[in-house]
Amino acid sequence: MRNKIHLSFLGILIILGILLGACGNKIDTNMSESMIDFKFTTQDNETISLEDLKGDWWISYFSYTNCKTVCPRTTANMVDVQKELKENDLYPQIISFSVDPENDTQEELKKYADEYEVDLDSWSFLTDYDFATIQKVSEDAFRAVLEDGAVDQMSHTYMFYLINPEGDIVKKYDGMSMTEMDVLVDDMKTVLE
């Protein structure tokens, strides 16, 4: 009888182990939005689309080179995220959507990337669309307000977003918070390792 109980208990532990293993690579999510289809131009005058990113986890945020408010901080924070992930041999694509495409030319974006010491092997700054297009991406896919502000400053989200291999936006992080950056790095380690 004792052996039967022991074997039953062992069987339950094995089943739990299998179930927990199957649940690996899971993170807590706080969003569930489908990314809208896009095809934009990078700082290197190459085209990147949602289709190019499908099959991989990737990170996204909104910025622009002339931003004087949140972008200097969020871009610096994203650089720190990229460096920490590289230290762990993780190289997810980072996509920065310019909210000022009229002024953010490829040349300006390259200078901006150089200023922040961005590794462009796994990070693309996108442009070459009109403001209405990026406003639609921000509002329809990311559920984030984007408005043309006063004195050449845009009102845009400072959140970072995690997009899964199916093209679903599954989580957002406060791009101004170091604690949230740690969570983003941990989440990337979970889904990529």
Protein backbone atom coordinates (compact mmCIF):
# COMPACT_ATOMS: atom_id res chain seq x y z
CA MET A 1 0.00 0.00 0.00
CA ARG A 2 2.80 2.41 0.91
CA ASN A 3 4.54 1.69 -2.39
CA LYS A 4 1.33 2.43 -4.31
CA ILE A 5 0.92 5.78 -2.53
CA HIS A 6 4.60 6.56 -3.12
CA LEU A 7 4.28 5.67 -6.82
CA SER A 8 1.07 7.72 -7.14
CA PHE A 9 2.71 10.70 -5.48
CA LEU A 10 5.76 10.29 -7.74
CA GLY A 11 3.44 10.14 -10.78
CA ILE A 12 1.71 13.35 -9.70
CA LEU A 13 5.09 15.08 -9.29
CA ILE A 14 6.16 13.96 -12.76
CA ILE A 15 2.91 15.24 -14.31
CA LEU A 16 3.28 18.56 -12.46
CA GLY A 17 6.85 18.83 -13.69
CA ILE A 18 5.76 18.26 -17.27
CA LEU A 19 2.96 20.81 -16.95
CA LEU A 20 5.23 23.39 -15.36
CA GLY A 21 7.84 22.75 -18.03
CA ALA A 22 5.22 23.30 -20.70
CA CYS A 23 4.36 26.59 -19.03
CA GLY A 24 7.99 27.73 -19.27
CA ASN A 25 8.82 30.95 -21.06
CA LYS A 26 5.65 32.56 -19.71
CA ILE A 27 5.50 36.12 -18.47
CA ASP A 28 2.78 38.19 -16.88
CA THR A 29 1.12 40.30 -19.56
CA ASN A 30 -0.89 43.51 -19.34
CA MET A 31 -1.89 44.02 -22.98
CA SER A 32 -3.44 42.04 -25.80
CA GLU A 33 -3.49 44.07 -29.00
CA SER A 34 -2.67 43.05 -32.54
CA MET A 35 0.09 45.05 -34.17
CA ILE A 36 -1.15 46.64 -37.37
CA ASP A 37 0.65 45.86 -40.60
CA PHE A 38 3.39 48.30 -41.53
CA LYS A 39 6.28 48.69 -43.95
CA PHE A 40 8.59 51.59 -43.09
CA THR A 41 12.14 52.76 -43.79
CA THR A 42 15.08 52.46 -41.38
CA GLN A 43 17.92 54.86 -40.68
CA ASP A 44 19.94 52.87 -43.27
CA ASN A 45 17.27 53.38 -45.96
CA GLU A 46 16.23 49.72 -45.73
CA THR A 47 12.63 48.56 -45.50
CA ILE A 48 11.33 46.75 -42.45
CA SER A 49 7.82 45.40 -42.04
CA LEU A 50 5.70 43.59 -39.51
CA GLU A 51 6.14 40.48 -41.66
CA ASP A 52 9.95 40.76 -41.25
CA LEU A 53 9.55 40.72 -37.45
CA LYS A 54 7.06 37.84 -37.24
CA GLY A 55 8.47 34.74 -35.63
CA ASP A 56 10.57 36.76 -33.16
CA TRP A 57 10.00 38.61 -29.91
CA TRP A 58 10.75 42.33 -30.30
CA ILE A 59 10.61 45.57 -28.32
CA SER A 60 9.19 48.87 -29.51
CA TYR A 61 8.86 52.47 -28.39
CA PHE A 62 8.16 55.92 -29.81
CA SER A 63 10.70 58.74 -29.98
CA TYR A 64 12.04 61.55 -32.11
CA THR A 65 15.43 63.23 -32.42
CA ASN A 66 14.31 66.75 -31.46
CA CYS A 67 12.49 65.65 -28.29
CA LYS A 68 13.47 67.65 -25.21
CA THR A 69 11.21 65.93 -22.69
CA VAL A 70 11.00 62.14 -22.33
CA CYS A 71 12.98 60.81 -25.32
CA PRO A 72 16.47 61.51 -23.95
CA ARG A 73 15.61 59.41 -20.90
CA THR A 74 13.69 56.65 -22.67
CA THR A 75 16.32 56.24 -25.38
CA ALA A 76 19.09 56.08 -22.78
CA ASN A 77 17.06 53.51 -20.84
CA MET A 78 16.52 51.44 -23.97
CA VAL A 79 20.27 51.55 -24.66
CA ASP A 80 20.82 50.16 -21.15
CA VAL A 81 18.28 47.40 -21.85
CA GLN A 82 20.03 46.56 -25.12
CA LYS A 83 23.44 46.41 -23.41
CA GLU A 84 22.19 44.20 -20.59
CA LEU A 85 20.52 41.83 -23.02
CA LYS A 86 23.70 41.65 -25.13
CA GLU A 87 25.65 40.73 -21.98
CA ASN A 88 23.31 37.72 -21.77
CA ASP A 89 23.79 36.89 -25.49
CA LEU A 90 20.24 38.03 -26.29
CA TYR A 91 19.66 40.18 -29.36
CA PRO A 92 15.97 40.97 -29.83
CA GLN A 93 15.07 43.57 -32.42
CA ILE A 94 14.33 47.00 -30.98
CA ILE A 95 12.09 49.18 -33.13
CA SER A 96 11.87 52.92 -32.55
CA PHE A 97 8.99 54.59 -34.37
CA SER A 98 9.71 58.26 -35.06
CA VAL A 99 6.77 60.48 -34.22
CA ASP A 100 8.35 63.33 -36.20
CA PRO A 101 9.00 61.69 -39.57
CA GLU A 102 9.09 65.02 -41.39
CA ASN A 103 12.29 66.01 -39.57
CA ASP A 104 13.70 62.60 -38.66
CA THR A 105 15.52 61.81 -41.88
CA GLN A 106 17.82 58.82 -42.17
CA GLU A 107 20.79 61.13 -41.61
CA GLU A 108 19.27 62.62 -38.44
CA LEU A 109 18.38 59.17 -37.10
CA LYS A 110 21.93 57.90 -37.71
CA LYS A 111 23.36 60.88 -35.82
CA TYR A 112 20.89 60.25 -32.99
CA ALA A 113 21.82 56.57 -32.82
CA ASP A 114 25.51 57.48 -32.78
CA GLU A 115 24.97 60.04 -30.01
CA TYR A 116 23.37 57.38 -27.79
CA GLU A 117 25.83 54.63 -28.82
CA VAL A 118 23.04 52.43 -30.14
CA ASP A 119 24.00 49.06 -31.59
CA LEU A 120 22.21 49.22 -34.94
CA ASP A 121 22.72 45.50 -35.55
CA SER A 122 19.56 44.84 -33.53
CA TRP A 123 17.90 48.27 -33.37
CA SER A 124 16.09 50.13 -36.14
CA PHE A 125 14.80 53.69 -36.16
CA LEU A 126 11.83 53.96 -38.50
CA THR A 127 10.69 56.93 -40.58
CA ASP A 128 9.47 57.89 -44.09
CA TYR A 129 5.76 57.98 -43.39
CA ASP A 130 3.49 60.91 -42.60
CA PHE A 131 2.35 61.98 -39.15
CA ALA A 132 -1.18 60.66 -39.68
CA THR A 133 0.24 57.19 -40.36
CA ILE A 134 2.32 57.01 -37.18
CA GLN A 135 -0.56 58.52 -35.21
CA LYS A 136 -2.73 55.64 -36.44
CA VAL A 137 -0.07 53.08 -35.43
CA SER A 138 0.24 54.65 -31.97
CA GLU A 139 -3.46 54.94 -31.31
CA ASP A 140 -4.87 51.84 -33.06
CA ALA A 141 -2.21 49.27 -32.19
CA PHE A 142 -0.54 50.55 -29.03
CA ARG A 143 -3.61 52.34 -27.63
CA ALA A 144 -1.43 55.38 -26.96
CA VAL A 145 -2.29 59.00 -27.69
CA LEU A 146 -0.03 60.84 -30.13
CA GLU A 147 -0.57 64.54 -30.72
CA ASP A 148 1.38 67.24 -32.46
CA GLY A 149 2.30 69.47 -29.52
CA ALA A 150 3.29 73.10 -29.18
CA VAL A 151 6.76 74.50 -29.94
CA ASP A 152 7.93 71.52 -32.02
CA GLN A 153 7.32 69.03 -29.21
CA MET A 154 5.08 66.00 -29.65
CA SER A 155 2.84 64.51 -27.00
CA HIS A 156 3.55 60.77 -27.17
CA THR A 157 3.78 57.69 -25.00
CA TYR A 158 6.92 56.95 -23.01
CA MET A 159 6.03 53.28 -22.65
CA PHE A 160 8.08 50.39 -24.02
CA TYR A 161 6.18 47.52 -25.62
CA LEU A 162 6.87 43.82 -25.97
CA ILE A 163 5.56 42.15 -29.12
CA ASN A 164 5.37 38.37 -29.41
CA PRO A 165 6.28 36.24 -32.46
CA GLU A 166 2.68 36.28 -33.66
CA GLY A 167 2.69 40.09 -33.82
CA ASP A 168 0.64 40.71 -30.68
CA ILE A 169 1.54 43.50 -28.28
CA VAL A 170 1.47 41.62 -24.99
CA LYS A 171 3.05 43.93 -22.43
CA LYS A 172 3.91 47.55 -21.79
CA TYR A 173 6.55 48.96 -19.44
CA ASP A 174 7.13 52.44 -18.05
CA GLY A 175 10.11 53.60 -20.11
CA MET A 176 11.06 56.15 -17.43
CA SER A 177 11.32 53.59 -14.61
CA MET A 178 14.52 51.69 -13.86
CA THR A 179 12.48 49.07 -12.01
CA GLU A 180 10.39 48.50 -15.12
CA MET A 181 13.57 48.21 -17.20
CA ASP A 182 14.66 45.35 -14.94
CA VAL A 183 11.27 43.69 -15.48
CA LEU A 184 11.64 44.08 -19.26
CA VAL A 185 15.10 42.51 -19.20
CA ASP A 186 13.85 39.64 -17.02
CA ASP A 187 10.87 39.10 -19.33
CA MET A 188 13.15 39.02 -22.37
CA LYS A 189 15.39 36.47 -20.66
CA THR A 190 12.31 34.37 -19.91
CA VAL A 191 10.95 34.34 -23.45
CA LEU A 192 14.28 34.10 -25.27
CA GLU A 193 16.27 31.62 -23.18
